[in-house]
Structure formats: C-alpha cells, structure tokens
C-alpha cells in the first residue's frame, strides 16, 4: 500500500507533463512579427482601462463615535 502511495502521484505527474508536451505539439503558438498590427479582438492587445477622474471620497467616518 505504501508503494502505491508513492508510485501513483509520480505516474500522475508524468501524465500531466506528457499532456503539456502534447498540447504544445498540437496547438503551437504563433508569435506575431514586428511589422504586423495586433488583432483588436485579442484581449492582450487592448491597453488597460484608465480609471475615471472622480474626486476622492470623504476622509474618515461621517460622524464621530459617541
């Protein structure tokens, strides 16, 4: 039983690593070249949103505690 407790996680780790390698082979990542424009539908190509300029809220509590 103790041998199974050691062998099964090692085998599961091997399966996960093998699936990662398989995924890299099946779904290759295409790097965009320097001269092309980024795809606007790609979320990583959109710049982060700037928060609106609003005045800060009140400092502290609205009324002192009794």
PDB file of N, CA and C in Angstrom:
ATOM      1  N   UNK A   1       0.809  -1.196   0.000  1.00  0.00           N
ATOM      2  CA  UNK A   1       0.000   0.000   0.000  1.00  0.00           C
ATOM      3  C   UNK A   1       0.857   1.267   0.000  1.00  0.00           C
ATOM      4  N   UNK A   2       1.935   1.243   0.753  1.00  0.00           N
ATOM      5  CA  UNK A   2       2.809   2.420   0.799  1.00  0.00           C
ATOM      6  C   UNK A   2       3.476   2.642  -0.553  1.00  0.00           C
ATOM      7  N   UNK A   3       3.764   1.549  -1.247  1.00  0.00           N
ATOM      8  CA  UNK A   3       4.385   1.674  -2.566  1.00  0.00           C
ATOM      9  C   UNK A   3       3.414   2.348  -3.541  1.00  0.00           C
ATOM     10  N   UNK A   4       2.136   1.998  -3.455  1.00  0.00           N
ATOM     11  CA  UNK A   4       1.148   2.634  -4.324  1.00  0.00           C
ATOM     12  C   UNK A   4       1.016   4.120  -4.013  1.00  0.00           C
ATOM     13  N   UNK A   5       1.134   4.481  -2.739  1.00  0.00           N
ATOM     14  CA  UNK A   5       1.032   5.886  -2.360  1.00  0.00           C
ATOM     15  C   UNK A   5       2.182   6.704  -2.926  1.00  0.00           C
ATOM     16  N   UNK A   6       3.289   6.057  -3.238  1.00  0.00           N
ATOM     17  CA  UNK A   6       4.438   6.753  -3.819  1.00  0.00           C
ATOM     18  C   UNK A   6       4.387   6.712  -5.347  1.00  0.00           C
ATOM     19  N   UNK A   7       3.982   5.584  -5.890  1.00  0.00           N
ATOM     20  CA  UNK A   7       4.023   5.399  -7.343  1.00  0.00           C
ATOM     21  C   UNK A   7       2.909   6.166  -8.058  1.00  0.00           C
ATOM     22  N   UNK A   8       1.693   6.164  -7.516  1.00  0.00           N
ATOM     23  CA  UNK A   8       0.563   6.780  -8.211  1.00  0.00           C
ATOM     24  C   UNK A   8       0.767   8.285  -8.429  1.00  0.00           C
ATOM     25  N   UNK A   9       1.191   9.084  -7.426  1.00  0.00           N
ATOM     26  CA  UNK A   9       1.414  10.514  -7.713  1.00  0.00           C
ATOM     27  C   UNK A   9       2.522  10.758  -8.735  1.00  0.00           C
ATOM     28  N   UNK A  10       3.561   9.930  -8.711  1.00  0.00           N
ATOM     29  CA  UNK A  10       4.634  10.093  -9.694  1.00  0.00           C
ATOM     30  C   UNK A  10       4.112   9.803 -11.097  1.00  0.00           C
ATOM     31  N   UNK A  11       3.306   8.772 -11.235  1.00  0.00           N
ATOM     32  CA  UNK A  11       2.722   8.464 -12.544  1.00  0.00           C
ATOM     33  C   UNK A  11       1.762   9.564 -13.004  1.00  0.00           C
ATOM     34  N   UNK A  12       0.978  10.102 -12.075  1.00  0.00           N
ATOM     35  CA  UNK A  12       0.064  11.186 -12.437  1.00  0.00           C
ATOM     36  C   UNK A  12       0.837  12.430 -12.880  1.00  0.00           C
ATOM     37  N   UNK A  13       1.949  12.727 -12.215  1.00  0.00           N
ATOM     38  CA  UNK A  13       2.777  13.853 -12.627  1.00  0.00           C
ATOM     39  C   UNK A  13       3.319  13.627 -14.033  1.00  0.00           C
ATOM     40  N   UNK A  14       3.751  12.411 -14.321  1.00  0.00           N
ATOM     41  CA  UNK A  14       4.235  12.085 -15.659  1.00  0.00           C
ATOM     42  C   UNK A  14       3.156  12.271 -16.718  1.00  0.00           C
ATOM     43  N   UNK A  15       1.923  11.903 -16.392  1.00  0.00           N
ATOM     44  CA  UNK A  15       0.815  12.063 -17.338  1.00  0.00           C
ATOM     45  C   UNK A  15       0.546  13.544 -17.593  1.00  0.00           C
ATOM     46  N   UNK A  16       0.547  14.347 -16.532  1.00  0.00           N
ATOM     47  CA  UNK A  16       0.294  15.780 -16.701  1.00  0.00           C
ATOM     48  C   UNK A  16       1.396  16.420 -17.539  1.00  0.00           C
ATOM     49  N   UNK A  17       2.646  16.076 -17.285  1.00  0.00           N
ATOM     50  CA  UNK A  17       3.744  16.629 -18.077  1.00  0.00           C
ATOM     51  C   UNK A  17       3.667  16.171 -19.537  1.00  0.00           C
ATOM     52  N   UNK A  18       3.298  14.924 -19.751  1.00  0.00           N
ATOM     53  CA  UNK A  18       3.163  14.429 -21.122  1.00  0.00           C
ATOM     54  C   UNK A  18       2.032  15.133 -21.852  1.00  0.00           C
ATOM     55  N   UNK A  19       0.928  15.390 -21.165  1.00  0.00           N
ATOM     56  CA  UNK A  19      -0.178  16.111 -21.805  1.00  0.00           C
ATOM     57  C   UNK A  19       0.214  17.548 -22.131  1.00  0.00           C
ATOM     58  N   UNK A  20       1.043  18.162 -21.303  1.00  0.00           N
ATOM     59  CA  UNK A  20       1.527  19.506 -21.605  1.00  0.00           C
ATOM     60  C   UNK A  20       2.373  19.526 -22.858  1.00  0.00           C
ATOM     61  N   UNK A  21       3.251  18.533 -22.986  1.00  0.00           N
ATOM     62  CA  UNK A  21       4.066  18.436 -24.201  1.00  0.00           C
ATOM     63  C   UNK A  21       3.194  18.190 -25.425  1.00  0.00           C
ATOM     64  N   UNK A  22       2.181  17.324 -25.268  1.00  0.00           N
ATOM     65  CA  UNK A  22       1.279  17.018 -26.376  1.00  0.00           C
ATOM     66  C   UNK A  22       0.509  18.272 -26.797  1.00  0.00           C
ATOM     67  N   UNK A  23       0.080  19.056 -25.821  1.00  0.00           N
ATOM     68  CA  UNK A  23      -0.646  20.282 -26.126  1.00  0.00           C
ATOM     69  C   UNK A  23       0.238  21.253 -26.905  1.00  0.00           C
ATOM     70  N   UNK A  24       1.519  21.355 -26.534  1.00  0.00           N
ATOM     71  CA  UNK A  24       2.430  22.234 -27.262  1.00  0.00           C
ATOM     72  C   UNK A  24       2.617  21.777 -28.707  1.00  0.00           C
ATOM     73  N   UNK A  25       2.585  20.492 -28.926  1.00  0.00           N
ATOM     74  CA  UNK A  25       2.733  19.982 -30.291  1.00  0.00           C
ATOM     75  C   UNK A  25       1.470  20.206 -31.116  1.00  0.00           C
ATOM     76  N   UNK A  26       0.319  20.011 -30.503  1.00  0.00           N
ATOM     77  CA  UNK A  26      -0.945  20.099 -31.237  1.00  0.00           C
ATOM     78  C   UNK A  26      -1.358  21.552 -31.450  1.00  0.00           C
ATOM     79  N   UNK A  27      -1.142  22.405 -30.450  1.00  0.00           N
ATOM     80  CA  UNK A  27      -1.564  23.805 -30.514  1.00  0.00           C
ATOM     81  C   UNK A  27      -0.342  24.721 -30.445  1.00  0.00           C
ATOM     82  N   UNK A  28       0.399  24.864 -31.540  1.00  0.00           N
ATOM     83  CA  UNK A  28       1.573  25.731 -31.492  1.00  0.00           C
ATOM     84  C   UNK A  28       1.164  27.197 -31.361  1.00  0.00           C
ATOM     85  N   UNK A  29       1.980  27.984 -30.689  1.00  0.00           N
ATOM     86  CA  UNK A  29       1.720  29.401 -30.504  1.00  0.00           C
ATOM     87  C   UNK A  29       2.458  30.161 -31.590  1.00  0.00           C
ATOM     88  N   UNK A  30       1.708  30.965 -32.358  1.00  0.00           N
ATOM     89  CA  UNK A  30       2.315  31.776 -33.411  1.00  0.00           C
ATOM     90  C   UNK A  30       2.716  33.118 -32.821  1.00  0.00           C
ATOM     91  N   UNK A  31       3.989  33.455 -32.921  1.00  0.00           N
ATOM     92  CA  UNK A  31       4.478  34.753 -32.451  1.00  0.00           C
ATOM     93  C   UNK A  31       4.272  35.775 -33.561  1.00  0.00           C
ATOM     94  N   UNK A  32       3.650  36.923 -33.266  1.00  0.00           N
ATOM     95  CA  UNK A  32       3.465  37.932 -34.316  1.00  0.00           C
ATOM     96  C   UNK A  32       4.806  38.581 -34.670  1.00  0.00           C
ATOM     97  N   UNK A  33       4.937  38.920 -35.940  1.00  0.00           N
ATOM     98  CA  UNK A  33       6.181  39.558 -36.371  1.00  0.00           C
ATOM     99  C   UNK A  33       6.159  41.031 -35.982  1.00  0.00           C
ATOM    100  N   UNK A  34       7.289  41.694 -36.059  1.00  0.00           N
ATOM    101  CA  UNK A  34       7.424  43.074 -35.598  1.00  0.00           C
ATOM    102  C   UNK A  34       6.633  44.047 -36.472  1.00  0.00           C
ATOM    103  N   UNK A  35       6.384  43.742 -37.739  1.00  0.00           N
ATOM    104  CA  UNK A  35       5.743  44.679 -38.640  1.00  0.00           C
ATOM    105  C   UNK A  35       4.232  44.573 -38.705  1.00  0.00           C
ATOM    106  N   UNK A  36       3.634  43.605 -38.045  1.00  0.00           N
ATOM    107  CA  UNK A  36       2.195  43.419 -38.152  1.00  0.00           C
ATOM    108  C   UNK A  36       1.470  44.133 -37.019  1.00  0.00           C
ATOM    109  N   UNK A  37       0.225  44.495 -37.279  1.00  0.00           N
ATOM    110  CA  UNK A  37      -0.613  45.130 -36.272  1.00  0.00           C
ATOM    111  C   UNK A  37      -1.249  44.042 -35.396  1.00  0.00           C
ATOM    112  N   UNK A  38      -1.417  44.303 -34.101  1.00  0.00           N
ATOM    113  CA  UNK A  38      -2.074  43.300 -33.249  1.00  0.00           C
ATOM    114  C   UNK A  38      -3.559  43.198 -33.567  1.00  0.00           C
ATOM    115  N   UNK A  39      -4.115  42.038 -33.350  1.00  0.00           N
ATOM    116  CA  UNK A  39      -5.529  41.794 -33.588  1.00  0.00           C
ATOM    117  C   UNK A  39      -6.346  42.517 -32.522  1.00  0.00           C
ATOM    118  N   UNK A  40      -7.272  43.421 -32.901  1.00  0.00           N
ATOM    119  CA  UNK A  40      -8.026  44.158 -31.890  1.00  0.00           C
ATOM    120  C   UNK A  40      -8.966  43.280 -31.069  1.00  0.00           C
ATOM    121  N   UNK A  41      -9.318  42.097 -31.572  1.00  0.00           N
ATOM    122  CA  UNK A  41     -10.184  41.211 -30.793  1.00  0.00           C
ATOM    123  C   UNK A  41      -9.405  40.416 -29.760  1.00  0.00           C
ATOM    124  N   UNK A  42      -8.081  40.505 -29.790  1.00  0.00           N
ATOM    125  CA  UNK A  42      -7.243  39.806 -28.820  1.00  0.00           C
ATOM    126  C   UNK A  42      -7.222  40.610 -27.522  1.00  0.00           C
ATOM    127  N   UNK A  43      -7.648  40.024 -26.384  1.00  0.00           N
ATOM    128  CA  UNK A  43      -7.692  40.790 -25.136  1.00  0.00           C
ATOM    129  C   UNK A  43      -6.323  41.276 -24.669  1.00  0.00           C
ATOM    130  N   UNK A  44      -5.255  40.581 -25.025  1.00  0.00           N
ATOM    131  CA  UNK A  44      -3.933  41.014 -24.578  1.00  0.00           C
ATOM    132  C   UNK A  44      -3.448  42.224 -25.382  1.00  0.00           C
ATOM    133  N   UNK A  45      -4.093  42.531 -26.541  1.00  0.00           N
ATOM    134  CA  UNK A  45      -3.668  43.656 -27.362  1.00  0.00           C
ATOM    135  C   UNK A  45      -4.331  44.954 -26.936  1.00  0.00           C
ATOM    136  N   UNK A  46      -5.350  44.868 -26.089  1.00  0.00           N
ATOM    137  CA  UNK A  46      -6.083  46.061 -25.665  1.00  0.00           C
ATOM    138  C   UNK A  46      -5.358  46.697 -24.483  1.00  0.00           C
ATOM    139  N   UNK A  47      -5.108  47.998 -24.529  1.00  0.00           N
ATOM    140  CA  UNK A  47      -4.439  48.634 -23.391  1.00  0.00           C
ATOM    141  C   UNK A  47      -5.338  48.629 -22.165  1.00  0.00           C
ATOM    142  N   UNK A  48      -4.764  48.677 -20.968  1.00  0.00           N
ATOM    143  CA  UNK A  48      -5.597  48.660 -19.769  1.00  0.00           C
ATOM    144  C   UNK A  48      -6.438  49.934 -19.663  1.00  0.00           C
ATOM    145  N   UNK A  49      -7.587  49.801 -19.046  1.00  0.00           N
ATOM    146  CA  UNK A  49      -8.503  50.929 -18.902  1.00  0.00           C
ATOM    147  C   UNK A  49      -7.971  51.897 -17.853  1.00  0.00           C
ATOM    148  N   UNK A  50      -8.175  53.179 -18.108  1.00  0.00           N
ATOM    149  CA  UNK A  50      -7.761  54.216 -17.169  1.00  0.00           C
ATOM    150  C   UNK A  50      -8.955  54.525 -16.270  1.00  0.00           C
ATOM    151  N   UNK A  51      -8.755  54.548 -14.947  1.00  0.00           N
ATOM    152  CA  UNK A  51      -9.906  54.836 -14.079  1.00  0.00           C
ATOM    153  C   UNK A  51     -10.387  56.265 -14.291  1.00  0.00           C
ATOM    154  N   UNK A  52     -11.681  56.506 -14.168  1.00  0.00           N
ATOM    155  CA  UNK A  52     -12.202  57.857 -14.385  1.00  0.00           C
ATOM    156  C   UNK A  52     -11.703  58.818 -13.306  1.00  0.00           C
ATOM    157  N   UNK A  53     -11.580  60.076 -13.675  1.00  0.00           N
ATOM    158  CA  UNK A  53     -11.107  61.087 -12.741  1.00  0.00           C
ATOM    159  C   UNK A  53     -12.286  61.561 -11.906  1.00  0.00           C
ATOM    160  N   UNK A  54     -12.433  61.021 -10.723  1.00  0.00           N
ATOM    161  CA  UNK A  54     -13.507  61.409  -9.814  1.00  0.00           C
ATOM    162  C   UNK A  54     -12.871  61.929  -8.532  1.00  0.00           C
ATOM    163  N   UNK A  55     -13.527  62.846  -7.858  1.00  0.00           N
ATOM    164  CA  UNK A  55     -12.949  63.342  -6.610  1.00  0.00           C
ATOM    165  C   UNK A  55     -12.915  62.236  -5.561  1.00  0.00           C
ATOM    166  N   UNK A  56     -11.955  62.268  -4.679  1.00  0.00           N
ATOM    167  CA  UNK A  56     -11.887  61.215  -3.661  1.00  0.00           C
ATOM    168  C   UNK A  56     -13.045  61.351  -2.683  1.00  0.00           C
ATOM    169  N   UNK A  57     -13.390  60.254  -2.058  1.00  0.00           N
ATOM    170  CA  UNK A  57     -14.472  60.249  -1.089  1.00  0.00           C
ATOM    171  C   UNK A  57     -14.061  60.959   0.190  1.00  0.00           C
ATOM    172  N   UNK A  58     -14.980  61.049   1.129  1.00  0.00           N
ATOM    173  CA  UNK A  58     -14.670  61.725   2.377  1.00  0.00           C
ATOM    174  C   UNK A  58     -13.617  60.958   3.172  1.00  0.00           C
ATOM    175  N   UNK A  59     -12.808  61.707   3.896  1.00  0.00           N
ATOM    176  CA  UNK A  59     -11.763  61.084   4.705  1.00  0.00           C
ATOM    177  C   UNK A  59     -12.337  60.774   6.077  1.00  0.00           C
ATOM    178  N   UNK A  60     -12.280  59.528   6.477  1.00  0.00           N
ATOM    179  CA  UNK A  60     -12.755  59.160   7.802  1.00  0.00           C
ATOM    180  C   UNK A  60     -14.247  58.875   7.814  1.00  0.00           C
ATOM    181  N   UNK A  61     -14.798  58.788   9.023  1.00  0.00           N
ATOM    182  CA  UNK A  61     -16.229  58.477   9.165  1.00  0.00           C
ATOM    183  C   UNK A  61     -17.038  59.770   9.104  1.00  0.00           C
ATOM    184  N   UNK A  62     -18.319  59.712   8.739  1.00  0.00           N
ATOM    185  CA  UNK A  62     -19.107  60.927   8.616  1.00  0.00           C
ATOM    186  C   UNK A  62     -19.398  61.586   9.966  1.00  0.00           C
ATOM    187  N   UNK A  63     -19.439  60.803  11.021  1.00  0.00           N
ATOM    188  CA  UNK A  63     -19.748  61.384  12.329  1.00  0.00           C
ATOM    189  C   UNK A  63     -18.838  60.735  13.376  1.00  0.00           C
ATOM    190  N   UNK A  64     -18.445  61.489  14.397  1.00  0.00           N
ATOM    191  CA  UNK A  64     -17.618  60.871  15.444  1.00  0.00           C
ATOM    192  C   UNK A  64     -18.432  59.870  16.250  1.00  0.00           C
ATOM    193  N   UNK A  65     -17.778  58.865  16.751  1.00  0.00           N
ATOM    194  CA  UNK A  65     -18.473  57.866  17.567  1.00  0.00           C
ATOM    195  C   UNK A  65     -18.659  58.400  18.996  1.00  0.00           C
ATOM    196  N   UNK A  66     -19.769  58.085  19.633  1.00  0.00           N
ATOM    197  CA  UNK A  66     -20.062  58.638  20.977  1.00  0.00           C
ATOM    198  C   UNK A  66     -19.167  58.096  22.056  1.00  0.00           C
TER     199      UNK A  66
END
